[in-house]
C-alpha atoms as a PDB file:
ATOM      1  CA  MET A   1     121.726  73.700 123.302  1.00  0.00           C
ATOM      2  CA  GLY A   2     121.347  70.629 121.089  1.00  0.00           C
ATOM      3  CA  ARG A   3     117.539  70.922 121.111  1.00  0.00           C
ATOM      4  CA  GLN A   4     117.659  74.626 120.133  1.00  0.00           C
ATOM      5  CA  PHE A   5     120.047  73.818 117.300  1.00  0.00           C
ATOM      6  CA  GLY A   6     117.665  71.092 116.109  1.00  0.00           C
ATOM      7  CA  VAL A   7     114.681  73.480 116.132  1.00  0.00           C
ATOM      8  CA  VAL A   8     116.636  76.148 114.242  1.00  0.00           C
ATOM      9  CA  PHE A   9     117.832  73.534 111.745  1.00  0.00           C
ATOM     10  CA  VAL A  10     114.262  72.294 111.160  1.00  0.00           C
ATOM     11  CA  LEU A  11     113.005  75.878 110.690  1.00  0.00           C
ATOM     12  CA  LEU A  12     115.852  76.661 108.308  1.00  0.00           C
ATOM     13  CA  LYS A  13     115.253  73.430 106.402  1.00  0.00           C
ATOM     14  CA  GLY A  14     111.527  74.284 106.154  1.00  0.00           C
ATOM     15  CA  LEU A  15     112.305  77.797 104.934  1.00  0.00           C
ATOM     16  CA  ILE A  16     114.692  76.525 102.273  1.00  0.00           C
ATOM     17  CA  PHE A  17     112.199  73.858 101.184  1.00  0.00           C
ATOM     18  CA  GLY A  18     109.389  76.436 101.038  1.00  0.00           C
ATOM     19  CA  LEU A  19     111.547  78.841  99.078  1.00  0.00           C
ATOM     20  CA  CYS A  20     112.460  76.143  96.583  1.00  0.00           C
ATOM     21  CA  MET A  21     108.823  75.140  96.209  1.00  0.00           C
ATOM     22  CA  LEU A  22     107.792  78.766  95.725  1.00  0.00           C
ATOM     23  CA  LEU A  23     110.405  79.423  93.080  1.00  0.00           C
ATOM     24  CA  LEU A  24     110.254  76.066  91.330  1.00  0.00           C
ATOM     25  CA  SER A  25     106.563  75.172  91.535  1.00  0.00           C
ATOM     26  CA  GLY A  26     105.843  77.198  88.400  1.00  0.00           C
ATOM     27  CA  PRO A  27     106.900  76.125  84.936  1.00  0.00           C
ATOM     28  CA  CYS A  28     110.055  74.069  84.539  1.00  0.00           C
ATOM     29  CA  PHE A  29     113.329  75.938  84.266  1.00  0.00           C
ATOM     30  CA  GLY A  30     114.379  76.421  80.673  1.00  0.00           C
ATOM     31  CA  SER A  31     110.796  76.483  79.403  1.00  0.00           C
ATOM     32  CA  ALA A  32     109.254  79.308  77.389  1.00  0.00           C
ATOM     33  CA  ASN A  33     107.092  80.162  80.419  1.00  0.00           C
ATOM     34  CA  GLU A  34     110.036  80.732  82.742  1.00  0.00           C
ATOM     35  CA  ILE A  35     110.379  84.082  84.471  1.00  0.00           C
ATOM     36  CA  GLN A  36     113.814  85.048  85.747  1.00  0.00           C
ATOM     37  CA  ILE A  37     114.207  87.653  88.475  1.00  0.00           C
ATOM     38  CA  GLN A  38     117.525  89.275  89.366  1.00  0.00           C
ATOM     39  CA  ALA A  39     117.899  91.808  92.176  1.00  0.00           C
ATOM     40  CA  ASP A  40     120.261  93.112  94.828  1.00  0.00           C
ATOM     41  CA  GLN A  41     117.987  91.895  97.628  1.00  0.00           C
ATOM     42  CA  PHE A  42     115.073  89.462  98.025  1.00  0.00           C
ATOM     43  CA  GLU A  43     112.460  89.197 100.768  1.00  0.00           C
ATOM     44  CA  LEU A  44     110.362  86.026 100.672  1.00  0.00           C
ATOM     45  CA  ASP A  45     107.029  85.355 102.349  1.00  0.00           C
ATOM     46  CA  VAL A  46     106.555  81.614 101.913  1.00  0.00           C
ATOM     47  CA  LYS A  47     103.140  81.530 103.615  1.00  0.00           C
ATOM     48  CA  ASP A  48     101.579  84.174 101.346  1.00  0.00           C
ATOM     49  CA  GLU A  49     103.693  83.206  98.294  1.00  0.00           C
ATOM     50  CA  LEU A  50     105.146  86.701  97.891  1.00  0.00           C
ATOM     51  CA  VAL A  51     108.552  87.750  96.648  1.00  0.00           C
ATOM     52  CA  ILE A  52     109.724  91.317  97.141  1.00  0.00           C
ATOM     53  CA  ALA A  53     112.882  92.226  95.268  1.00  0.00           C
ATOM     54  CA  SER A  54     114.674  95.547  95.478  1.00  0.00           C
ATOM     55  CA  GLY A  55     117.698  97.351  94.097  1.00  0.00           C
ATOM     56  CA  GLN A  56     118.481  97.029  90.374  1.00  0.00           C
ATOM     57  CA  VAL A  57     115.652  94.555  89.699  1.00  0.00           C
ATOM     58  CA  ARG A  58     115.453  92.858  86.297  1.00  0.00           C
ATOM     59  CA  VAL A  59     112.626  90.500  85.295  1.00  0.00           C
ATOM     60  CA  GLU A  60     112.926  88.536  82.049  1.00  0.00           C
ATOM     61  CA  LYS A  61     110.568  86.293  80.136  1.00  0.00           C
ATOM     62  CA  GLY A  62     111.704  85.285  76.691  1.00  0.00           C
ATOM     63  CA  ASP A  63     112.592  88.385  74.671  1.00  0.00           C
ATOM     64  CA  ILE A  64     110.852  90.869  76.977  1.00  0.00           C
ATOM     65  CA  TYR A  65     112.410  92.330  80.081  1.00  0.00           C
ATOM     66  CA  LEU A  66     111.477  94.884  82.696  1.00  0.00           C
ATOM     67  CA  THR A  67     113.722  96.753  85.108  1.00  0.00           C
ATOM     68  CA  SER A  68     112.780  98.762  88.197  1.00  0.00           C
ATOM     69  CA  GLN A  69     113.920  99.680  91.684  1.00  0.00           C
ATOM     70  CA  LYS A  70     111.502  97.273  93.391  1.00  0.00           C
ATOM     71  CA  ILE A  71     108.986  94.539  92.563  1.00  0.00           C
ATOM     72  CA  ARG A  72     106.315  92.631  94.430  1.00  0.00           C
ATOM     73  CA  TYR A  73     105.593  89.227  92.880  1.00  0.00           C
ATOM     74  CA  ASP A  74     102.335  87.676  94.111  1.00  0.00           C
ATOM     75  CA  LYS A  75     102.363  84.074  92.943  1.00  0.00           C
ATOM     76  CA  GLY A  76      98.756  83.488  94.031  1.00  0.00           C
ATOM     77  CA  LEU A  77      97.463  86.354  91.861  1.00  0.00           C
ATOM     78  CA  SER A  78     100.057  85.749  89.103  1.00  0.00           C
ATOM     79  CA  LEU A  79     100.927  89.459  89.233  1.00  0.00           C
ATOM     80  CA  ILE A  80     104.172  91.374  89.392  1.00  0.00           C
ATOM     81  CA  LYS A  81     104.005  95.000  90.559  1.00  0.00           C
ATOM     82  CA  PHE A  82     106.980  97.129  89.459  1.00  0.00           C
ATOM     83  CA  MET A  83     107.802 100.316  91.390  1.00  0.00           C
ATOM     84  CA  GLY A  84     110.278 103.102  90.668  1.00  0.00           C
ATOM     85  CA  ASP A  85     112.044 103.900  87.390  1.00  0.00           C
ATOM     86  CA  VAL A  86     110.305 101.122  85.440  1.00  0.00           C
ATOM     87  CA  VAL A  87     111.566 100.325  81.935  1.00  0.00           C
ATOM     88  CA  ILE A  88     109.837  97.776  79.668  1.00  0.00           C
ATOM     89  CA  ARG A  89     111.753  96.546  76.598  1.00  0.00           C
ATOM     90  CA  LYS A  90     110.865  94.197  73.774  1.00  0.00           C
ATOM     91  CA  GLY A  91     112.714  94.569  70.491  1.00  0.00           C
ATOM     92  CA  ASP A  92     112.465  98.193  69.308  1.00  0.00           C
ATOM     93  CA  VAL A  93     109.772  99.041  71.897  1.00  0.00           C
ATOM     94  CA  GLU A  94     110.713 100.855  75.095  1.00  0.00           C
ATOM     95  CA  ILE A  95     108.173 102.074  77.645  1.00  0.00           C
ATOM     96  CA  SER A  96     109.303 103.820  80.811  1.00  0.00           C
ATOM     97  CA  CYS A  97     107.081 104.845  83.723  1.00  0.00           C
ATOM     98  CA  GLY A  98     106.863 105.226  87.484  1.00  0.00           C
ATOM     99  CA  GLU A  99     104.866 102.032  88.138  1.00  0.00           C
ATOM    100  CA  ALA A 100     103.708  99.007  86.166  1.00  0.00           C
ATOM    101  CA  THR A 101     101.772  95.793  86.711  1.00  0.00           C
ATOM    102  CA  ALA A 102     102.330  92.651  84.660  1.00  0.00           C
ATOM    103  CA  TYR A 103     100.669  89.278  84.644  1.00  0.00           C
ATOM    104  CA  THR A 104     103.292  86.544  85.012  1.00  0.00           C
ATOM    105  CA  GLN A 105     102.616  85.331  81.466  1.00  0.00           C
ATOM    106  CA  MET A 106     103.833  88.814  80.378  1.00  0.00           C
ATOM    107  CA  ASP A 107     100.991  89.036  77.847  1.00  0.00           C
ATOM    108  CA  ARG A 108      99.545  92.233  79.363  1.00  0.00           C
ATOM    109  CA  ILE A 109     101.513  95.017  81.023  1.00  0.00           C
ATOM    110  CA  GLN A 110      99.827  98.070  82.538  1.00  0.00           C
ATOM    111  CA  ALA A 111     102.133 101.120  82.793  1.00  0.00           C
ATOM    112  CA  ASN A 112     101.181 104.055  85.030  1.00  0.00           C
ATOM    113  CA  THR A 113     102.607 107.403  86.102  1.00  0.00           C
ATOM    114  CA  GLN A 114     104.430 109.545  83.540  1.00  0.00           C
ATOM    115  CA  VAL A 115     104.560 106.987  80.742  1.00  0.00           C
ATOM    116  CA  GLN A 116     107.204 107.569  78.047  1.00  0.00           C
ATOM    117  CA  PHE A 117     107.202 105.571  74.788  1.00  0.00           C
ATOM    118  CA  LYS A 118     109.922 105.000  72.180  1.00  0.00           C
ATOM    119  CA  TYR A 119     109.563 102.926  69.035  1.00  0.00           C
ATOM    120  CA  ARG A 120     112.069 103.485  66.251  1.00  0.00           C
ATOM    121  CA  ASP A 121     111.729 107.231  65.464  1.00  0.00           C
ATOM    122  CA  ILE A 122     108.391 107.670  67.297  1.00  0.00           C
ATOM    123  CA  HIS A 123     108.410 109.182  70.793  1.00  0.00           C
ATOM    124  CA  GLY A 124     105.391 109.643  73.019  1.00  0.00           C
ATOM    125  CA  GLU A 125     104.096 110.374  76.473  1.00  0.00           C
ATOM    126  CA  ALA A 126     100.872 109.612  78.310  1.00  0.00           C
ATOM    127  CA  GLY A 127      99.383 109.133  81.753  1.00  0.00           C
ATOM    128  CA  ASP A 128      98.750 105.398  81.330  1.00  0.00           C
ATOM    129  CA  ALA A 129      99.448 102.657  78.806  1.00  0.00           C
ATOM    130  CA  THR A 130      98.370  99.054  78.306  1.00  0.00           C
ATOM    131  CA  TYR A 131     100.798  96.903  76.330  1.00  0.00           C
ATOM    132  CA  LEU A 132      99.227  93.737  74.888  1.00  0.00           C
ATOM    133  CA  VAL A 133     102.445  91.915  74.050  1.00  0.00           C
ATOM    134  CA  SER A 134     101.081  89.020  71.959  1.00  0.00           C
ATOM    135  CA  LYS A 135      98.798  91.353  69.941  1.00  0.00           C
ATOM    136  CA  GLN A 136     101.681  93.838  69.548  1.00  0.00           C
ATOM    137  CA  THR A 137      99.479  96.801  70.466  1.00  0.00           C
ATOM    138  CA  VAL A 138      99.846  99.595  72.995  1.00  0.00           C
ATOM    139  CA  GLN A 139      96.878 101.706  74.125  1.00  0.00           C
ATOM    140  CA  PHE A 140      97.644 105.115  75.646  1.00  0.00           C
ATOM    141  CA  LEU A 141      95.306 107.193  77.838  1.00  0.00           C
ATOM    142  CA  GLY A 142      95.761 110.326  79.908  1.00  0.00           C
ATOM    143  CA  GLU A 143      96.515 113.048  77.345  1.00  0.00           C
ATOM    144  CA  PRO A 144      98.754 111.002  75.042  1.00  0.00           C
ATOM    145  CA  ARG A 145     101.063 112.923  72.688  1.00  0.00           C
ATOM    146  CA  PHE A 146     103.266 111.413  69.993  1.00  0.00           C
ATOM    147  CA  TYR A 147     106.038 112.867  67.885  1.00  0.00           C
ATOM    148  CA  GLN A 148     107.787 111.655  64.761  1.00  0.00           C
ATOM    149  CA  GLY A 149     110.274 114.278  63.689  1.00  0.00           C
ATOM    150  CA  GLU A 150     108.225 117.473  63.297  1.00  0.00           C
ATOM    151  CA  ASP A 151     104.925 115.564  63.042  1.00  0.00           C
ATOM    152  CA  PHE A 152     102.671 115.513  66.093  1.00  0.00           C
ATOM    153  CA  ILE A 153      99.528 113.663  67.274  1.00  0.00           C
ATOM    154  CA  LYS A 154      97.468 114.410  70.379  1.00  0.00           C
ATOM    155  CA  ALA A 155      94.191 112.666  71.274  1.00  0.00           C
ATOM    156  CA  ASP A 156      91.982 111.435  74.090  1.00  0.00           C
ATOM    157  CA  GLU A 157      93.249 107.924  73.338  1.00  0.00           C
ATOM    158  CA  VAL A 158      95.991 106.631  71.046  1.00  0.00           C
ATOM    159  CA  LYS A 159      96.388 103.020  69.930  1.00  0.00           C
ATOM    160  CA  VAL A 160      99.683 101.971  68.364  1.00  0.00           C
ATOM    161  CA  ASP A 161      99.687  98.754  66.321  1.00  0.00           C
ATOM    162  CA  LEU A 162     103.330  97.686  66.224  1.00  0.00           C
ATOM    163  CA  LYS A 163     102.671  94.863  63.761  1.00  0.00           C
ATOM    164  CA  SER A 164     101.159  97.079  61.045  1.00  0.00           C
ATOM    165  CA  ASN A 165     102.994 100.289  62.083  1.00  0.00           C
ATOM    166  CA  LYS A 166      99.700 102.186  62.376  1.00  0.00           C
ATOM    167  CA  VAL A 167      98.476 104.725  64.893  1.00  0.00           C
ATOM    168  CA  LEU A 168      94.753 105.124  65.626  1.00  0.00           C
ATOM    169  CA  THR A 169      93.375 108.069  67.579  1.00  0.00           C
ATOM    170  CA  VAL A 170      90.074 107.988  69.450  1.00  0.00           C
ATOM    171  CA  GLY A 171      88.091 110.980  70.702  1.00  0.00           C
ATOM    172  CA  ARG A 172      89.184 114.568  70.224  1.00  0.00           C
ATOM    173  CA  SER A 173      92.344 114.443  68.161  1.00  0.00           C
ATOM    174  CA  ARG A 174      94.825 116.953  66.854  1.00  0.00           C
ATOM    175  CA  LEU A 175      97.381 116.302  64.131  1.00  0.00           C
ATOM    176  CA  ARG A 176     100.210 118.455  62.839  1.00  0.00           C
ATOM    177  CA  VAL A 177     102.118 117.167  59.813  1.00  0.00           C
ATOM    178  CA  ASN A 178     105.012 118.780  57.952  1.00  0.00           C
ATOM    179  CA  LEU A 179     104.031 118.451  54.278  1.00  0.00           C
ATOM    180  CA  ASP A 180     107.484 119.283  52.913  1.00  0.00           C
ATOM    181  CA  HIS A 181     108.410 115.629  52.474  1.00  0.00           C
ATOM    182  CA  PHE A 182     105.137 115.011  50.540  1.00  0.00           C
ATOM    183  CA  LEU A 183     105.669 117.856  48.043  1.00  0.00           C
ATOM    184  CA  PRO A 184     107.578 117.201  44.802  1.00  0.00           C
ATOM    185  CA  LYS A 185     111.163 118.456  44.697  1.00  0.00           C
ATOM    186  CA  ASN A 186     111.939 121.119  42.047  1.00  0.00           C
END
């Protein structure tokens, strides 16, 4: 009985040590590079350096945060895969989708499956989007469509520059603009 308890204690001690090393071996807590993960449940694979979190998952890094139903954080690849009801928020930008992949530096986020976009009074939808956070640009593919009031843009590809508040279309494009607000008032 004593020997079994000792073996279990050593295994438990090793698991706790491995977990601490996995979670703390990245940047120091409190640093700008820190990623915080909150979830209802965690599954840890110390050997493969994987963390699977599920149920009301929230991942934060600085002023950007992502929520989803489940994530798979692969420390070796520095990737976080988000699955189910994904929402990406940074300031006025909100992107929602079915799945997303982010590098742990949160400088590039790939959104897939029924992408929805909101930025101030602009709303859009696309099949896929790539959000380059530091460049403040979002590239949309997969029949992107954007609306601002009654105005409408559709193209093969749409690039939104959040810094300059400009939209660039690439490929076949269609634009519908209500000219009433450009005409002089009588």
